[in-house]
């Protein structure tokens, strides 16, 4: 799935807003997801090569915002059931298994 420039901008904003609502630090997120801060930055800027990884971050942030008793900012491009998208590996997303390396 390829996002157009507006969808990319919106998704970056939605990830950032949900991160802020979560009350977590980038260090906490990276530790929880077992990734480097470099990889996390790539995810927030959508320069990560894996299509699964942004969905993992999306689901993680949504859960953390809800755990904090807040309403997550809805996503406008990363929507629907990731199990239904042929180009995603739903098993990896469900297991929160990020791709190897920083890219």
PDB file of N, CA and C in Angstrom:
ATOM      1  N   UNK A   1       0.852  -1.165   0.000  1.00  0.00           N
ATOM      2  CA  UNK A   1       0.000   0.000   0.000  1.00  0.00           C
ATOM      3  C   UNK A   1       0.892   1.220   0.000  1.00  0.00           C
ATOM      4  N   UNK A   2       0.580   2.120  -0.856  1.00  0.00           N
ATOM      5  CA  UNK A   2       1.353   3.337  -0.956  1.00  0.00           C
ATOM      6  C   UNK A   2       0.453   4.517  -0.575  1.00  0.00           C
ATOM      7  N   UNK A   3       0.959   5.337   0.303  1.00  0.00           N
ATOM      8  CA  UNK A   3       0.189   6.504   0.731  1.00  0.00           C
ATOM      9  C   UNK A   3       0.581   7.712  -0.100  1.00  0.00           C
ATOM     10  N   UNK A   4      -0.400   8.546  -0.408  1.00  0.00           N
ATOM     11  CA  UNK A   4      -0.091   9.774  -1.125  1.00  0.00           C
ATOM     12  C   UNK A   4       0.492  10.790  -0.127  1.00  0.00           C
ATOM     13  N   UNK A   5       1.041  11.905  -0.615  1.00  0.00           N
ATOM     14  CA  UNK A   5       1.685  12.868   0.295  1.00  0.00           C
ATOM     15  C   UNK A   5       0.775  13.371   1.426  1.00  0.00           C
ATOM     16  N   UNK A   6      -0.482  13.603   1.149  1.00  0.00           N
ATOM     17  CA  UNK A   6      -1.393  14.071   2.199  1.00  0.00           C
ATOM     18  C   UNK A   6      -1.633  12.983   3.247  1.00  0.00           C
ATOM     19  N   UNK A   7      -1.792  11.747   2.798  1.00  0.00           N
ATOM     20  CA  UNK A   7      -1.971  10.638   3.730  1.00  0.00           C
ATOM     21  C   UNK A   7      -0.724  10.445   4.596  1.00  0.00           C
ATOM     22  N   UNK A   8       0.454  10.616   3.993  1.00  0.00           N
ATOM     23  CA  UNK A   8       1.710  10.508   4.752  1.00  0.00           C
ATOM     24  C   UNK A   8       1.752  11.587   5.841  1.00  0.00           C
ATOM     25  N   UNK A   9       1.427  12.805   5.470  1.00  0.00           N
ATOM     26  CA  UNK A   9       1.429  13.920   6.427  1.00  0.00           C
ATOM     27  C   UNK A   9       0.441  13.644   7.558  1.00  0.00           C
ATOM     28  N   UNK A  10      -0.768  13.238   7.184  1.00  0.00           N
ATOM     29  CA  UNK A  10      -1.798  12.955   8.190  1.00  0.00           C
ATOM     30  C   UNK A  10      -1.361  11.831   9.129  1.00  0.00           C
ATOM     31  N   UNK A  11      -0.809  10.778   8.565  1.00  0.00           N
ATOM     32  CA  UNK A  11      -0.398   9.633   9.386  1.00  0.00           C
ATOM     33  C   UNK A  11       0.733  10.022  10.327  1.00  0.00           C
ATOM     34  N   UNK A  12       1.698  10.783   9.857  1.00  0.00           N
ATOM     35  CA  UNK A  12       2.774  11.252  10.744  1.00  0.00           C
ATOM     36  C   UNK A  12       2.192  12.065  11.894  1.00  0.00           C
ATOM     37  N   UNK A  13       1.238  12.940  11.591  1.00  0.00           N
ATOM     38  CA  UNK A  13       0.594  13.746  12.638  1.00  0.00           C
ATOM     39  C   UNK A  13      -0.199  12.876  13.610  1.00  0.00           C
ATOM     40  N   UNK A  14      -0.915  11.899  13.086  1.00  0.00           N
ATOM     41  CA  UNK A  14      -1.719  11.020  13.936  1.00  0.00           C
ATOM     42  C   UNK A  14      -0.839  10.180  14.859  1.00  0.00           C
ATOM     43  N   UNK A  15       0.279   9.681  14.333  1.00  0.00           N
ATOM     44  CA  UNK A  15       1.218   8.941  15.179  1.00  0.00           C
ATOM     45  C   UNK A  15       1.758   9.837  16.287  1.00  0.00           C
ATOM     46  N   UNK A  16       2.146  11.049  15.928  1.00  0.00           N
ATOM     47  CA  UNK A  16       2.705  11.985  16.902  1.00  0.00           C
ATOM     48  C   UNK A  16       1.673  12.370  17.961  1.00  0.00           C
ATOM     49  N   UNK A  17       0.458  12.648  17.550  1.00  0.00           N
ATOM     50  CA  UNK A  17      -0.582  13.030  18.498  1.00  0.00           C
ATOM     51  C   UNK A  17      -0.881  11.888  19.473  1.00  0.00           C
ATOM     52  N   UNK A  18      -0.949  10.674  18.960  1.00  0.00           N
ATOM     53  CA  UNK A  18      -1.207   9.536  19.840  1.00  0.00           C
ATOM     54  C   UNK A  18      -0.026   9.269  20.762  1.00  0.00           C
ATOM     55  N   UNK A  19       1.180   9.473  20.263  1.00  0.00           N
ATOM     56  CA  UNK A  19       2.358   9.355  21.121  1.00  0.00           C
ATOM     57  C   UNK A  19       2.263  10.353  22.272  1.00  0.00           C
ATOM     58  N   UNK A  20       1.936  11.589  21.979  1.00  0.00           N
ATOM     59  CA  UNK A  20       1.818  12.614  23.018  1.00  0.00           C
ATOM     60  C   UNK A  20       0.718  12.265  24.012  1.00  0.00           C
ATOM     61  N   UNK A  21      -0.401  11.759  23.519  1.00  0.00           N
ATOM     62  CA  UNK A  21      -1.501  11.360  24.405  1.00  0.00           C
ATOM     63  C   UNK A  21      -1.121  10.190  25.308  1.00  0.00           C
ATOM     64  N   UNK A  22      -0.227   9.344  24.837  1.00  0.00           N
ATOM     65  CA  UNK A  22       0.163   8.159  25.611  1.00  0.00           C
ATOM     66  C   UNK A  22       0.900   8.535  26.892  1.00  0.00           C
ATOM     67  N   UNK A  23       1.560   9.690  26.889  1.00  0.00           N
ATOM     68  CA  UNK A  23       2.330  10.103  28.051  1.00  0.00           C
ATOM     69  C   UNK A  23       3.658   9.382  28.195  1.00  0.00           C
ATOM     70  N   UNK A  24       4.021   8.595  27.211  1.00  0.00           N
ATOM     71  CA  UNK A  24       5.262   7.836  27.246  1.00  0.00           C
ATOM     72  C   UNK A  24       6.413   8.643  26.644  1.00  0.00           C
ATOM     73  N   UNK A  25       7.625   8.221  26.947  1.00  0.00           N
ATOM     74  CA  UNK A  25       8.796   8.792  26.300  1.00  0.00           C
ATOM     75  C   UNK A  25       9.160   7.926  25.101  1.00  0.00           C
ATOM     76  N   UNK A  26       9.958   8.476  24.208  1.00  0.00           N
ATOM     77  CA  UNK A  26      10.421   7.671  23.077  1.00  0.00           C
ATOM     78  C   UNK A  26      11.253   6.488  23.566  1.00  0.00           C
ATOM     79  N   UNK A  27      11.993   6.692  24.626  1.00  0.00           N
ATOM     80  CA  UNK A  27      12.789   5.608  25.194  1.00  0.00           C
ATOM     81  C   UNK A  27      11.899   4.457  25.681  1.00  0.00           C
ATOM     82  N   UNK A  28      10.772   4.798  26.301  1.00  0.00           N
ATOM     83  CA  UNK A  28       9.843   3.760  26.766  1.00  0.00           C
ATOM     84  C   UNK A  28       9.234   2.994  25.598  1.00  0.00           C
ATOM     85  N   UNK A  29       8.837   3.725  24.568  1.00  0.00           N
ATOM     86  CA  UNK A  29       8.232   3.081  23.393  1.00  0.00           C
ATOM     87  C   UNK A  29       9.244   2.156  22.731  1.00  0.00           C
ATOM     88  N   UNK A  30      10.458   2.661  22.520  1.00  0.00           N
ATOM     89  CA  UNK A  30      11.496   1.851  21.878  1.00  0.00           C
ATOM     90  C   UNK A  30      11.791   0.599  22.700  1.00  0.00           C
ATOM     91  N   UNK A  31      11.863   0.753  24.007  1.00  0.00           N
ATOM     92  CA  UNK A  31      12.128  -0.387  24.883  1.00  0.00           C
ATOM     93  C   UNK A  31      10.992  -1.410  24.811  1.00  0.00           C
ATOM     94  N   UNK A  32       9.745  -0.932  24.901  1.00  0.00           N
ATOM     95  CA  UNK A  32       8.590  -1.836  24.838  1.00  0.00           C
ATOM     96  C   UNK A  32       8.545  -2.610  23.522  1.00  0.00           C
ATOM     97  N   UNK A  33       8.877  -1.926  22.432  1.00  0.00           N
ATOM     98  CA  UNK A  33       8.810  -2.560  21.114  1.00  0.00           C
ATOM     99  C   UNK A  33      10.127  -3.237  20.731  1.00  0.00           C
ATOM    100  N   UNK A  34      11.110  -3.137  21.607  1.00  0.00           N
ATOM    101  CA  UNK A  34      12.421  -3.757  21.407  1.00  0.00           C
ATOM    102  C   UNK A  34      13.073  -3.303  20.104  1.00  0.00           C
ATOM    103  N   UNK A  35      13.093  -1.986  19.928  1.00  0.00           N
ATOM    104  CA  UNK A  35      13.721  -1.385  18.751  1.00  0.00           C
ATOM    105  C   UNK A  35      14.616  -0.237  19.205  1.00  0.00           C
ATOM    106  N   UNK A  36      15.441   0.232  18.304  1.00  0.00           N
ATOM    107  CA  UNK A  36      16.310   1.364  18.601  1.00  0.00           C
ATOM    108  C   UNK A  36      15.538   2.673  18.460  1.00  0.00           C
ATOM    109  N   UNK A  37      16.087   3.722  19.039  1.00  0.00           N
ATOM    110  CA  UNK A  37      15.491   5.049  18.869  1.00  0.00           C
ATOM    111  C   UNK A  37      15.560   5.487  17.420  1.00  0.00           C
ATOM    112  N   UNK A  38      16.599   5.063  16.705  1.00  0.00           N
ATOM    113  CA  UNK A  38      16.717   5.387  15.277  1.00  0.00           C
ATOM    114  C   UNK A  38      15.552   4.781  14.509  1.00  0.00           C
ATOM    115  N   UNK A  39      15.269   3.517  14.781  1.00  0.00           N
ATOM    116  CA  UNK A  39      14.151   2.854  14.099  1.00  0.00           C
ATOM    117  C   UNK A  39      12.829   3.532  14.465  1.00  0.00           C
ATOM    118  N   UNK A  40      12.674   3.901  15.731  1.00  0.00           N
ATOM    119  CA  UNK A  40      11.451   4.572  16.146  1.00  0.00           C
ATOM    120  C   UNK A  40      11.284   5.896  15.400  1.00  0.00           C
ATOM    121  N   UNK A  41      12.363   6.635  15.252  1.00  0.00           N
ATOM    122  CA  UNK A  41      12.296   7.880  14.479  1.00  0.00           C
ATOM    123  C   UNK A  41      11.891   7.610  13.039  1.00  0.00           C
ATOM    124  N   UNK A  42      12.409   6.531  12.447  1.00  0.00           N
ATOM    125  CA  UNK A  42      12.010   6.168  11.082  1.00  0.00           C
ATOM    126  C   UNK A  42      10.519   5.838  11.020  1.00  0.00           C
ATOM    127  N   UNK A  43      10.010   5.234  12.062  1.00  0.00           N
ATOM    128  CA  UNK A  43       8.582   4.922  12.088  1.00  0.00           C
ATOM    129  C   UNK A  43       7.736   6.186  12.174  1.00  0.00           C
ATOM    130  N   UNK A  44       8.154   7.115  13.029  1.00  0.00           N
ATOM    131  CA  UNK A  44       7.387   8.355  13.172  1.00  0.00           C
ATOM    132  C   UNK A  44       7.419   9.210  11.905  1.00  0.00           C
ATOM    133  N   UNK A  45       8.473   9.072  11.110  1.00  0.00           N
ATOM    134  CA  UNK A  45       8.558   9.845   9.871  1.00  0.00           C
ATOM    135  C   UNK A  45       8.110   9.043   8.653  1.00  0.00           C
ATOM    136  N   UNK A  46       7.700   7.796   8.904  1.00  0.00           N
ATOM    137  CA  UNK A  46       7.257   6.873   7.849  1.00  0.00           C
ATOM    138  C   UNK A  46       8.334   6.644   6.788  1.00  0.00           C
ATOM    139  N   UNK A  47       9.585   6.587   7.235  1.00  0.00           N
ATOM    140  CA  UNK A  47      10.682   6.255   6.336  1.00  0.00           C
ATOM    141  C   UNK A  47      11.175   4.831   6.586  1.00  0.00           C
ATOM    142  N   UNK A  48      10.419   4.075   7.343  1.00  0.00           N
ATOM    143  CA  UNK A  48      10.727   2.675   7.642  1.00  0.00           C
ATOM    144  C   UNK A  48      10.369   1.832   6.435  1.00  0.00           C
ATOM    145  N   UNK A  49      11.223   0.868   6.084  1.00  0.00           N
ATOM    146  CA  UNK A  49      10.978   0.088   4.866  1.00  0.00           C
ATOM    147  C   UNK A  49       9.877  -0.961   5.021  1.00  0.00           C
ATOM    148  N   UNK A  50       9.682  -1.500   6.214  1.00  0.00           N
ATOM    149  CA  UNK A  50       8.658  -2.520   6.421  1.00  0.00           C
ATOM    150  C   UNK A  50       7.271  -1.892   6.482  1.00  0.00           C
ATOM    151  N   UNK A  51       6.336  -2.496   5.778  1.00  0.00           N
ATOM    152  CA  UNK A  51       4.948  -2.018   5.835  1.00  0.00           C
ATOM    153  C   UNK A  51       4.256  -2.436   7.127  1.00  0.00           C
ATOM    154  N   UNK A  52       4.737  -3.507   7.750  1.00  0.00           N
ATOM    155  CA  UNK A  52       4.126  -3.988   8.990  1.00  0.00           C
ATOM    156  C   UNK A  52       4.437  -3.085  10.178  1.00  0.00           C
ATOM    157  N   UNK A  53       5.653  -2.561  10.225  1.00  0.00           N
ATOM    158  CA  UNK A  53       6.123  -1.837  11.401  1.00  0.00           C
ATOM    159  C   UNK A  53       5.255  -0.634  11.787  1.00  0.00           C
ATOM    160  N   UNK A  54       4.824   0.210  10.833  1.00  0.00           N
ATOM    161  CA  UNK A  54       3.952   1.325  11.239  1.00  0.00           C
ATOM    162  C   UNK A  54       2.627   0.857  11.855  1.00  0.00           C
ATOM    163  N   UNK A  55       2.123  -0.269  11.386  1.00  0.00           N
ATOM    164  CA  UNK A  55       0.894  -0.818  11.970  1.00  0.00           C
ATOM    165  C   UNK A  55       1.131  -1.281  13.399  1.00  0.00           C
ATOM    166  N   UNK A  56       2.299  -1.848  13.646  1.00  0.00           N
ATOM    167  CA  UNK A  56       2.632  -2.273  15.000  1.00  0.00           C
ATOM    168  C   UNK A  56       2.683  -1.056  15.913  1.00  0.00           C
ATOM    169  N   UNK A  57       3.345   0.013  15.468  1.00  0.00           N
ATOM    170  CA  UNK A  57       3.403   1.242  16.266  1.00  0.00           C
ATOM    171  C   UNK A  57       2.009   1.815  16.456  1.00  0.00           C
ATOM    172  N   UNK A  58       1.217   1.837  15.404  1.00  0.00           N
ATOM    173  CA  UNK A  58      -0.160   2.354  15.488  1.00  0.00           C
ATOM    174  C   UNK A  58      -0.947   1.615  16.556  1.00  0.00           C
ATOM    175  N   UNK A  59      -0.918   0.283  16.506  1.00  0.00           N
ATOM    176  CA  UNK A  59      -1.673  -0.518  17.467  1.00  0.00           C
ATOM    177  C   UNK A  59      -1.155  -0.329  18.888  1.00  0.00           C
ATOM    178  N   UNK A  60       0.149  -0.269  19.024  1.00  0.00           N
ATOM    179  CA  UNK A  60       0.768  -0.063  20.332  1.00  0.00           C
ATOM    180  C   UNK A  60       0.330   1.282  20.925  1.00  0.00           C
ATOM    181  N   UNK A  61       0.432   2.350  20.137  1.00  0.00           N
ATOM    182  CA  UNK A  61       0.062   3.674  20.649  1.00  0.00           C
ATOM    183  C   UNK A  61      -1.423   3.752  20.976  1.00  0.00           C
ATOM    184  N   UNK A  62      -2.255   3.173  20.132  1.00  0.00           N
ATOM    185  CA  UNK A  62      -3.694   3.165  20.393  1.00  0.00           C
ATOM    186  C   UNK A  62      -3.981   2.491  21.737  1.00  0.00           C
ATOM    187  N   UNK A  63      -3.346   1.361  21.964  1.00  0.00           N
ATOM    188  CA  UNK A  63      -3.535   0.623  23.220  1.00  0.00           C
ATOM    189  C   UNK A  63      -3.056   1.454  24.418  1.00  0.00           C
ATOM    190  N   UNK A  64      -1.907   2.084  24.294  1.00  0.00           N
ATOM    191  CA  UNK A  64      -1.346   2.847  25.407  1.00  0.00           C
ATOM    192  C   UNK A  64      -2.187   4.086  25.722  1.00  0.00           C
ATOM    193  N   UNK A  65      -2.718   4.724  24.706  1.00  0.00           N
ATOM    194  CA  UNK A  65      -3.599   5.884  24.921  1.00  0.00           C
ATOM    195  C   UNK A  65      -4.866   5.429  25.649  1.00  0.00           C
ATOM    196  N   UNK A  66      -5.445   4.325  25.203  1.00  0.00           N
ATOM    197  CA  UNK A  66      -6.649   3.795  25.865  1.00  0.00           C
ATOM    198  C   UNK A  66      -6.346   3.370  27.295  1.00  0.00           C
ATOM    199  N   UNK A  67      -5.172   2.751  27.516  1.00  0.00           N
ATOM    200  CA  UNK A  67      -4.768   2.361  28.870  1.00  0.00           C
ATOM    201  C   UNK A  67      -4.647   3.569  29.792  1.00  0.00           C
ATOM    202  N   UNK A  68      -4.315   4.717  29.208  1.00  0.00           N
ATOM    203  CA  UNK A  68      -4.193   5.957  29.984  1.00  0.00           C
ATOM    204  C   UNK A  68      -5.554   6.610  30.214  1.00  0.00           C
ATOM    205  N   UNK A  69      -6.625   5.965  29.735  1.00  0.00           N
ATOM    206  CA  UNK A  69      -7.972   6.488  29.927  1.00  0.00           C
ATOM    207  C   UNK A  69      -8.335   7.615  28.991  1.00  0.00           C
ATOM    208  N   UNK A  70      -7.629   7.695  27.875  1.00  0.00           N
ATOM    209  CA  UNK A  70      -7.881   8.765  26.906  1.00  0.00           C
ATOM    210  C   UNK A  70      -8.406   8.176  25.607  1.00  0.00           C
ATOM    211  N   UNK A  71      -8.918   9.060  24.762  1.00  0.00           N
ATOM    212  CA  UNK A  71      -9.448   8.673  23.459  1.00  0.00           C
ATOM    213  C   UNK A  71      -8.353   8.870  22.409  1.00  0.00           C
ATOM    214  N   UNK A  72      -7.943   7.795  21.720  1.00  0.00           N
ATOM    215  CA  UNK A  72      -6.912   7.954  20.687  1.00  0.00           C
ATOM    216  C   UNK A  72      -7.394   8.816  19.525  1.00  0.00           C
ATOM    217  N   UNK A  73      -6.456   9.500  18.909  1.00  0.00           N
ATOM    218  CA  UNK A  73      -6.743  10.226  17.678  1.00  0.00           C
ATOM    219  C   UNK A  73      -6.949   9.169  16.594  1.00  0.00           C
ATOM    220  N   UNK A  74      -8.063   9.221  15.875  1.00  0.00           N
ATOM    221  CA  UNK A  74      -8.309   8.206  14.847  1.00  0.00           C
ATOM    222  C   UNK A  74      -7.299   8.313  13.697  1.00  0.00           C
ATOM    223  N   UNK A  75      -6.955   7.189  13.147  1.00  0.00           N
ATOM    224  CA  UNK A  75      -6.076   7.159  11.980  1.00  0.00           C
ATOM    225  C   UNK A  75      -6.935   7.221  10.728  1.00  0.00           C
ATOM    226  N   UNK A  76      -6.466   7.952   9.732  1.00  0.00           N
ATOM    227  CA  UNK A  76      -7.242   8.136   8.504  1.00  0.00           C
ATOM    228  C   UNK A  76      -6.740   7.264   7.356  1.00  0.00           C
ATOM    229  N   UNK A  77      -5.496   6.802   7.417  1.00  0.00           N
ATOM    230  CA  UNK A  77      -4.980   5.923   6.360  1.00  0.00           C
ATOM    231  C   UNK A  77      -4.731   4.510   6.885  1.00  0.00           C
ATOM    232  N   UNK A  78      -4.208   4.407   8.084  1.00  0.00           N
ATOM    233  CA  UNK A  78      -3.974   3.082   8.684  1.00  0.00           C
ATOM    234  C   UNK A  78      -5.257   2.660   9.384  1.00  0.00           C
ATOM    235  N   UNK A  79      -6.232   2.265   8.581  1.00  0.00           N
ATOM    236  CA  UNK A  79      -7.566   1.955   9.096  1.00  0.00           C
ATOM    237  C   UNK A  79      -7.970   0.540   8.701  1.00  0.00           C
ATOM    238  N   UNK A  80      -8.962   0.059   9.388  1.00  0.00           N
ATOM    239  CA  UNK A  80      -9.515  -1.245   9.063  1.00  0.00           C
ATOM    240  C   UNK A  80      -8.762  -2.361   9.759  1.00  0.00           C
ATOM    241  N   UNK A  81      -9.092  -3.556   9.371  1.00  0.00           N
ATOM    242  CA  UNK A  81      -8.511  -4.758   9.955  1.00  0.00           C
ATOM    243  C   UNK A  81      -7.291  -5.167   9.150  1.00  0.00           C
ATOM    244  N   UNK A  82      -6.125  -5.054   9.763  1.00  0.00           N
ATOM    245  CA  UNK A  82      -4.867  -5.383   9.077  1.00  0.00           C
ATOM    246  C   UNK A  82      -4.825  -6.842   8.634  1.00  0.00           C
ATOM    247  N   UNK A  83      -5.674  -7.686   9.212  1.00  0.00           N
ATOM    248  CA  UNK A  83      -5.734  -9.090   8.789  1.00  0.00           C
ATOM    249  C   UNK A  83      -6.293  -9.223   7.370  1.00  0.00           C
ATOM    250  N   UNK A  84      -6.995  -8.206   6.903  1.00  0.00           N
ATOM    251  CA  UNK A  84      -7.639  -8.256   5.596  1.00  0.00           C
ATOM    252  C   UNK A  84      -6.782  -7.691   4.466  1.00  0.00           C
ATOM    253  N   UNK A  85      -5.618  -7.126   4.805  1.00  0.00           N
ATOM    254  CA  UNK A  85      -4.746  -6.540   3.781  1.00  0.00           C
ATOM    255  C   UNK A  85      -3.724  -7.585   3.334  1.00  0.00           C
ATOM    256  N   UNK A  86      -3.767  -7.961   2.076  1.00  0.00           N
ATOM    257  CA  UNK A  86      -2.904  -9.012   1.549  1.00  0.00           C
ATOM    258  C   UNK A  86      -1.424  -8.674   1.661  1.00  0.00           C
ATOM    259  N   UNK A  87      -1.082  -7.398   1.655  1.00  0.00           N
ATOM    260  CA  UNK A  87       0.315  -6.975   1.645  1.00  0.00           C
ATOM    261  C   UNK A  87       0.928  -6.878   3.045  1.00  0.00           C
ATOM    262  N   UNK A  88       0.133  -7.127   4.084  1.00  0.00           N
ATOM    263  CA  UNK A  88       0.635  -7.098   5.457  1.00  0.00           C
ATOM    264  C   UNK A  88       0.734  -8.516   6.006  1.00  0.00           C
ATOM    265  N   UNK A  89       1.682  -8.707   6.914  1.00  0.00           N
ATOM    266  CA  UNK A  89       1.817  -9.991   7.601  1.00  0.00           C
ATOM    267  C   UNK A  89       1.134  -9.834   8.960  1.00  0.00           C
ATOM    268  N   UNK A  90      -0.127 -10.219   9.021  1.00  0.00           N
ATOM    269  CA  UNK A  90      -0.918  -9.992  10.230  1.00  0.00           C
ATOM    270  C   UNK A  90      -0.369 -10.751  11.433  1.00  0.00           C
ATOM    271  N   UNK A  91       0.279 -11.884  11.202  1.00  0.00           N
ATOM    272  CA  UNK A  91       0.857 -12.635  12.319  1.00  0.00           C
ATOM    273  C   UNK A  91       1.995 -11.846  12.969  1.00  0.00           C
ATOM    274  N   UNK A  92       2.827 -11.218  12.162  1.00  0.00           N
ATOM    275  CA  UNK A  92       3.905 -10.394  12.712  1.00  0.00           C
ATOM    276  C   UNK A  92       3.343  -9.184  13.447  1.00  0.00           C
ATOM    277  N   UNK A  93       2.305  -8.580  12.890  1.00  0.00           N
ATOM    278  CA  UNK A  93       1.686  -7.407  13.521  1.00  0.00           C
ATOM    279  C   UNK A  93       1.067  -7.821  14.857  1.00  0.00           C
ATOM    280  N   UNK A  94       0.335  -8.920  14.869  1.00  0.00           N
ATOM    281  CA  UNK A  94      -0.287  -9.389  16.109  1.00  0.00           C
ATOM    282  C   UNK A  94       0.755  -9.699  17.182  1.00  0.00           C
ATOM    283  N   UNK A  95       1.902 -10.233  16.764  1.00  0.00           N
ATOM    284  CA  UNK A  95       2.962 -10.590  17.709  1.00  0.00           C
ATOM    285  C   UNK A  95       3.852  -9.389  18.051  1.00  0.00           C
ATOM    286  N   UNK A  96       3.587  -8.256  17.423  1.00  0.00           N
ATOM    287  CA  UNK A  96       4.418  -7.044  17.592  1.00  0.00           C
ATOM    288  C   UNK A  96       5.881  -7.329  17.293  1.00  0.00           C
ATOM    289  N   UNK A  97       6.100  -8.076  16.230  1.00  0.00           N
ATOM    290  CA  UNK A  97       7.464  -8.424  15.828  1.00  0.00           C
ATOM    291  C   UNK A  97       7.924  -7.470  14.739  1.00  0.00           C
ATOM    292  N   UNK A  98       8.721  -6.507  15.165  1.00  0.00           N
ATOM    293  CA  UNK A  98       9.258  -5.513  14.232  1.00  0.00           C
ATOM    294  C   UNK A  98      10.301  -6.158  13.329  1.00  0.00           C
ATOM    295  N   UNK A  99      10.491  -5.556  12.176  1.00  0.00           N
ATOM    296  CA  UNK A  99      11.531  -6.024  11.259  1.00  0.00           C
ATOM    297  C   UNK A  99      12.899  -5.775  11.889  1.00  0.00           C
ATOM    298  N   UNK A 100      13.875  -6.531  11.425  1.00  0.00           N
ATOM    299  CA  UNK A 100      15.235  -6.406  11.963  1.00  0.00           C
ATOM    300  C   UNK A 100      15.899  -5.128  11.448  1.00  0.00           C
ATOM    301  N   UNK A 101      16.814  -4.618  12.226  1.00  0.00           N
ATOM    302  CA  UNK A 101      17.602  -3.459  11.817  1.00  0.00           C
ATOM    303  C   UNK A 101      16.873  -2.146  11.988  1.00  0.00           C
ATOM    304  N   UNK A 102      17.531  -1.092  11.575  1.00  0.00           N
ATOM    305  CA  UNK A 102      16.983   0.254  11.753  1.00  0.00           C
ATOM    306  C   UNK A 102      16.242   0.782  10.543  1.00  0.00           C
ATOM    307  N   UNK A 103      16.175   0.013   9.481  1.00  0.00           N
ATOM    308  CA  UNK A 103      15.496   0.478   8.278  1.00  0.00           C
ATOM    309  C   UNK A 103      14.258  -0.351   8.069  1.00  0.00           C
TER     310      UNK A 103
END
